[in-house]
């Protein structure tokens, strides 16, 4: 099944314009916190990397396409923690 993140071979997404000298690594403090949270949750066994990737890829297409990289990470974390009963969506 093809998901919104699977754009291999598709047209219309424009050229990839990598920022070779990207600095800082995080554009906002909250991104660094999401990165750290992800590392801790993986290390503690709350979920595994395959589950995380799947949760990110299950985002609704309109949300996936309008979210930044770390917004997608946060959505994936929230989804998994809610599904595993570790976080209340509210």
N, C-alpha and C. Protein backbone atom coordinates (compact mmCIF):
# COMPACT_ATOMS: atom_id res chain seq x y z
N UNK A 1 0.84 -1.17 0.00
CA UNK A 1 0.00 0.00 0.00
C UNK A 1 0.88 1.24 0.00
N UNK A 2 0.61 2.15 -0.89
CA UNK A 2 1.36 3.40 -0.98
C UNK A 2 0.80 4.41 0.01
N UNK A 3 1.70 5.08 0.71
CA UNK A 3 1.30 6.12 1.66
C UNK A 3 1.82 7.46 1.18
N UNK A 4 1.38 8.51 1.82
CA UNK A 4 1.72 9.86 1.40
C UNK A 4 3.23 10.12 1.39
N UNK A 5 3.96 9.45 2.26
CA UNK A 5 5.40 9.66 2.33
C UNK A 5 6.15 8.95 1.20
N UNK A 6 5.49 8.03 0.51
CA UNK A 6 6.13 7.25 -0.55
C UNK A 6 6.02 7.99 -1.87
N UNK A 7 6.96 8.90 -2.12
CA UNK A 7 6.89 9.75 -3.31
C UNK A 7 7.91 9.34 -4.37
N UNK A 8 8.55 8.20 -4.17
CA UNK A 8 9.53 7.74 -5.15
C UNK A 8 8.94 7.62 -6.55
N UNK A 9 9.57 8.26 -7.51
CA UNK A 9 9.12 8.19 -8.89
C UNK A 9 7.97 9.11 -9.23
N UNK A 10 7.45 9.83 -8.25
CA UNK A 10 6.35 10.75 -8.53
C UNK A 10 6.88 12.11 -8.98
N UNK A 11 6.08 12.82 -9.72
CA UNK A 11 6.43 14.13 -10.23
C UNK A 11 5.67 15.21 -9.46
N UNK A 12 6.16 16.44 -9.55
CA UNK A 12 5.43 17.58 -9.03
C UNK A 12 5.81 18.03 -7.64
N UNK A 13 6.83 17.45 -7.06
CA UNK A 13 7.24 17.85 -5.72
C UNK A 13 8.41 18.84 -5.73
N UNK A 14 8.89 19.18 -6.91
CA UNK A 14 9.99 20.12 -7.01
C UNK A 14 11.33 19.48 -6.73
N UNK A 15 12.36 20.23 -6.98
CA UNK A 15 13.72 19.75 -6.77
C UNK A 15 14.05 19.71 -5.28
N UNK A 16 14.90 18.78 -4.91
CA UNK A 16 15.41 18.72 -3.54
C UNK A 16 16.50 19.76 -3.44
N UNK A 17 16.37 20.65 -2.48
CA UNK A 17 17.34 21.72 -2.31
C UNK A 17 17.99 21.58 -0.94
N UNK A 18 18.99 20.69 -0.83
CA UNK A 18 19.61 20.46 0.48
C UNK A 18 20.40 21.68 0.95
N UNK A 19 20.34 21.94 2.24
CA UNK A 19 21.12 23.00 2.85
C UNK A 19 22.40 22.38 3.37
N UNK A 20 23.46 22.45 2.58
CA UNK A 20 24.71 21.76 2.88
C UNK A 20 25.31 22.23 4.20
N UNK A 21 25.20 23.50 4.49
CA UNK A 21 25.79 24.06 5.71
C UNK A 21 24.74 24.37 6.76
N UNK A 22 23.72 23.51 6.85
CA UNK A 22 22.62 23.78 7.76
C UNK A 22 23.12 23.88 9.20
N UNK A 23 22.85 25.00 9.78
CA UNK A 23 23.18 25.23 11.18
C UNK A 23 22.19 26.26 11.70
N UNK A 24 21.65 26.11 12.81
CA UNK A 24 21.82 24.99 13.72
C UNK A 24 21.05 23.76 13.26
N UNK A 25 21.32 22.65 13.91
CA UNK A 25 20.64 21.41 13.57
C UNK A 25 19.15 21.54 13.82
N UNK A 26 18.79 22.20 14.91
CA UNK A 26 17.39 22.40 15.26
C UNK A 26 17.05 23.87 15.01
N UNK A 27 15.90 24.11 14.43
CA UNK A 27 15.49 25.47 14.13
C UNK A 27 14.75 26.13 15.29
N UNK A 28 14.33 25.34 16.26
CA UNK A 28 13.66 25.84 17.45
C UNK A 28 13.95 24.89 18.61
N UNK A 29 13.87 25.43 19.83
CA UNK A 29 14.16 24.61 21.02
C UNK A 29 13.25 23.39 21.12
N UNK A 30 11.99 23.53 20.72
CA UNK A 30 11.05 22.41 20.86
C UNK A 30 11.47 21.23 19.98
N UNK A 31 12.14 21.50 18.86
CA UNK A 31 12.60 20.40 18.00
C UNK A 31 13.64 19.55 18.73
N UNK A 32 14.54 20.19 19.43
CA UNK A 32 15.56 19.46 20.20
C UNK A 32 14.90 18.62 21.30
N UNK A 33 13.84 19.15 21.89
CA UNK A 33 13.13 18.41 22.93
C UNK A 33 12.42 17.19 22.36
N UNK A 34 11.83 17.34 21.18
CA UNK A 34 11.17 16.20 20.54
C UNK A 34 12.21 15.13 20.20
N UNK A 35 13.37 15.56 19.69
CA UNK A 35 14.44 14.63 19.38
C UNK A 35 14.86 13.86 20.64
N UNK A 36 15.06 14.58 21.74
CA UNK A 36 15.47 13.95 23.00
C UNK A 36 14.39 13.00 23.53
N UNK A 37 13.13 13.43 23.44
CA UNK A 37 12.03 12.59 23.89
C UNK A 37 11.99 11.28 23.10
N UNK A 38 12.17 11.39 21.80
CA UNK A 38 12.18 10.20 20.94
C UNK A 38 13.28 9.24 21.36
N UNK A 39 14.48 9.77 21.62
CA UNK A 39 15.61 8.92 22.02
C UNK A 39 15.33 8.21 23.35
N UNK A 40 14.77 8.92 24.29
CA UNK A 40 14.47 8.34 25.61
C UNK A 40 13.40 7.26 25.48
N UNK A 41 12.34 7.54 24.74
CA UNK A 41 11.25 6.56 24.60
C UNK A 41 11.73 5.29 23.89
N UNK A 42 12.58 5.44 22.90
CA UNK A 42 13.15 4.26 22.23
C UNK A 42 14.04 3.47 23.20
N UNK A 43 14.89 4.19 23.93
CA UNK A 43 15.81 3.53 24.86
C UNK A 43 15.07 2.82 25.98
N UNK A 44 13.94 3.35 26.41
CA UNK A 44 13.16 2.75 27.49
C UNK A 44 12.22 1.66 27.00
N UNK A 45 12.16 1.46 25.67
CA UNK A 45 11.34 0.39 25.12
C UNK A 45 9.86 0.71 25.04
N UNK A 46 9.50 1.99 25.05
CA UNK A 46 8.09 2.37 24.93
C UNK A 46 7.53 1.91 23.59
N UNK A 47 8.38 1.92 22.59
CA UNK A 47 8.06 1.43 21.25
C UNK A 47 9.37 1.24 20.51
N UNK A 48 9.29 0.64 19.34
CA UNK A 48 10.52 0.47 18.56
C UNK A 48 10.49 1.37 17.32
N UNK A 49 11.61 1.42 16.63
CA UNK A 49 11.75 2.33 15.50
C UNK A 49 10.77 2.01 14.38
N UNK A 50 10.49 0.75 14.14
CA UNK A 50 9.53 0.38 13.10
C UNK A 50 8.12 0.86 13.46
N UNK A 51 7.75 0.75 14.72
CA UNK A 51 6.45 1.24 15.16
C UNK A 51 6.38 2.76 14.99
N UNK A 52 7.47 3.43 15.33
CA UNK A 52 7.51 4.88 15.21
C UNK A 52 7.35 5.31 13.75
N UNK A 53 8.13 4.70 12.88
CA UNK A 53 8.04 5.04 11.46
C UNK A 53 6.63 4.82 10.94
N UNK A 54 6.01 3.71 11.31
CA UNK A 54 4.66 3.41 10.88
C UNK A 54 3.68 4.47 11.39
N UNK A 55 3.84 4.88 12.63
CA UNK A 55 2.93 5.90 13.20
C UNK A 55 3.05 7.21 12.44
N UNK A 56 4.27 7.61 12.09
CA UNK A 56 4.46 8.84 11.31
C UNK A 56 3.82 8.69 9.93
N UNK A 57 4.02 7.55 9.31
CA UNK A 57 3.50 7.34 7.95
C UNK A 57 1.99 7.18 7.91
N UNK A 58 1.37 6.94 9.05
CA UNK A 58 -0.10 6.83 9.11
C UNK A 58 -0.79 8.17 9.29
N UNK A 59 -0.01 9.23 9.39
CA UNK A 59 -0.62 10.55 9.53
C UNK A 59 -1.54 10.80 8.33
N UNK A 60 -2.63 11.53 8.55
CA UNK A 60 -3.47 11.89 7.41
C UNK A 60 -2.63 12.67 6.38
N UNK A 61 -2.81 12.38 5.10
CA UNK A 61 -1.98 13.02 4.08
C UNK A 61 -1.90 14.54 4.18
N UNK A 62 -3.01 15.20 4.44
CA UNK A 62 -2.99 16.66 4.51
C UNK A 62 -2.14 17.14 5.70
N UNK A 63 -2.14 16.40 6.80
CA UNK A 63 -1.32 16.75 7.95
C UNK A 63 0.15 16.46 7.66
N UNK A 64 0.42 15.31 7.07
CA UNK A 64 1.80 14.93 6.75
C UNK A 64 2.45 15.97 5.84
N UNK A 65 1.73 16.36 4.80
CA UNK A 65 2.30 17.27 3.80
C UNK A 65 2.46 18.70 4.30
N UNK A 66 1.74 19.08 5.33
CA UNK A 66 1.84 20.45 5.85
C UNK A 66 2.65 20.52 7.15
N UNK A 67 3.19 19.41 7.60
CA UNK A 67 3.95 19.38 8.84
C UNK A 67 5.45 19.40 8.57
N UNK A 68 6.17 19.99 9.50
CA UNK A 68 7.63 19.95 9.41
C UNK A 68 8.13 18.58 9.86
N UNK A 69 9.41 18.36 9.69
CA UNK A 69 10.02 17.09 10.05
C UNK A 69 9.74 16.72 11.50
N UNK A 70 10.01 17.63 12.43
CA UNK A 70 9.83 17.31 13.84
C UNK A 70 8.37 17.39 14.27
N UNK A 71 7.53 18.10 13.54
CA UNK A 71 6.09 18.02 13.80
C UNK A 71 5.60 16.61 13.49
N UNK A 72 6.13 16.00 12.45
CA UNK A 72 5.78 14.61 12.13
C UNK A 72 6.25 13.68 13.23
N UNK A 73 7.45 13.90 13.73
CA UNK A 73 7.97 13.08 14.82
C UNK A 73 7.05 13.19 16.03
N UNK A 74 6.67 14.41 16.39
CA UNK A 74 5.82 14.61 17.56
C UNK A 74 4.46 13.93 17.36
N UNK A 75 3.91 14.03 16.18
CA UNK A 75 2.63 13.37 15.90
C UNK A 75 2.77 11.85 16.05
N UNK A 76 3.87 11.29 15.56
CA UNK A 76 4.12 9.86 15.69
C UNK A 76 4.25 9.43 17.14
N UNK A 77 4.98 10.22 17.92
CA UNK A 77 5.15 9.93 19.35
C UNK A 77 3.80 9.97 20.05
N UNK A 78 3.02 11.03 19.81
CA UNK A 78 1.71 11.16 20.44
C UNK A 78 0.80 9.99 20.07
N UNK A 79 0.81 9.60 18.80
CA UNK A 79 -0.02 8.49 18.35
C UNK A 79 0.34 7.20 19.08
N UNK A 80 1.63 6.89 19.12
CA UNK A 80 2.05 5.64 19.76
C UNK A 80 1.77 5.62 21.25
N UNK A 81 2.04 6.72 21.92
CA UNK A 81 1.81 6.76 23.36
C UNK A 81 0.32 6.64 23.68
N UNK A 82 -0.52 7.22 22.84
CA UNK A 82 -1.97 7.09 23.03
C UNK A 82 -2.42 5.66 22.75
N UNK A 83 -1.93 5.08 21.67
CA UNK A 83 -2.31 3.70 21.32
C UNK A 83 -1.87 2.70 22.38
N UNK A 84 -0.76 2.98 23.04
CA UNK A 84 -0.24 2.06 24.06
C UNK A 84 -0.77 2.38 25.46
N UNK A 85 -1.66 3.36 25.54
CA UNK A 85 -2.25 3.73 26.81
C UNK A 85 -1.33 4.47 27.76
N UNK A 86 -0.25 5.03 27.22
CA UNK A 86 0.71 5.76 28.05
C UNK A 86 0.44 7.26 28.07
N UNK A 87 -0.47 7.72 27.21
CA UNK A 87 -0.80 9.13 27.10
C UNK A 87 -2.26 9.25 26.73
N UNK A 88 -2.94 10.17 27.37
CA UNK A 88 -4.32 10.47 27.03
C UNK A 88 -4.31 11.55 25.95
N UNK A 89 -4.99 11.34 24.85
CA UNK A 89 -5.02 12.30 23.74
C UNK A 89 -5.44 13.69 24.20
N UNK A 90 -6.26 13.77 25.22
CA UNK A 90 -6.72 15.05 25.72
C UNK A 90 -5.58 15.74 26.46
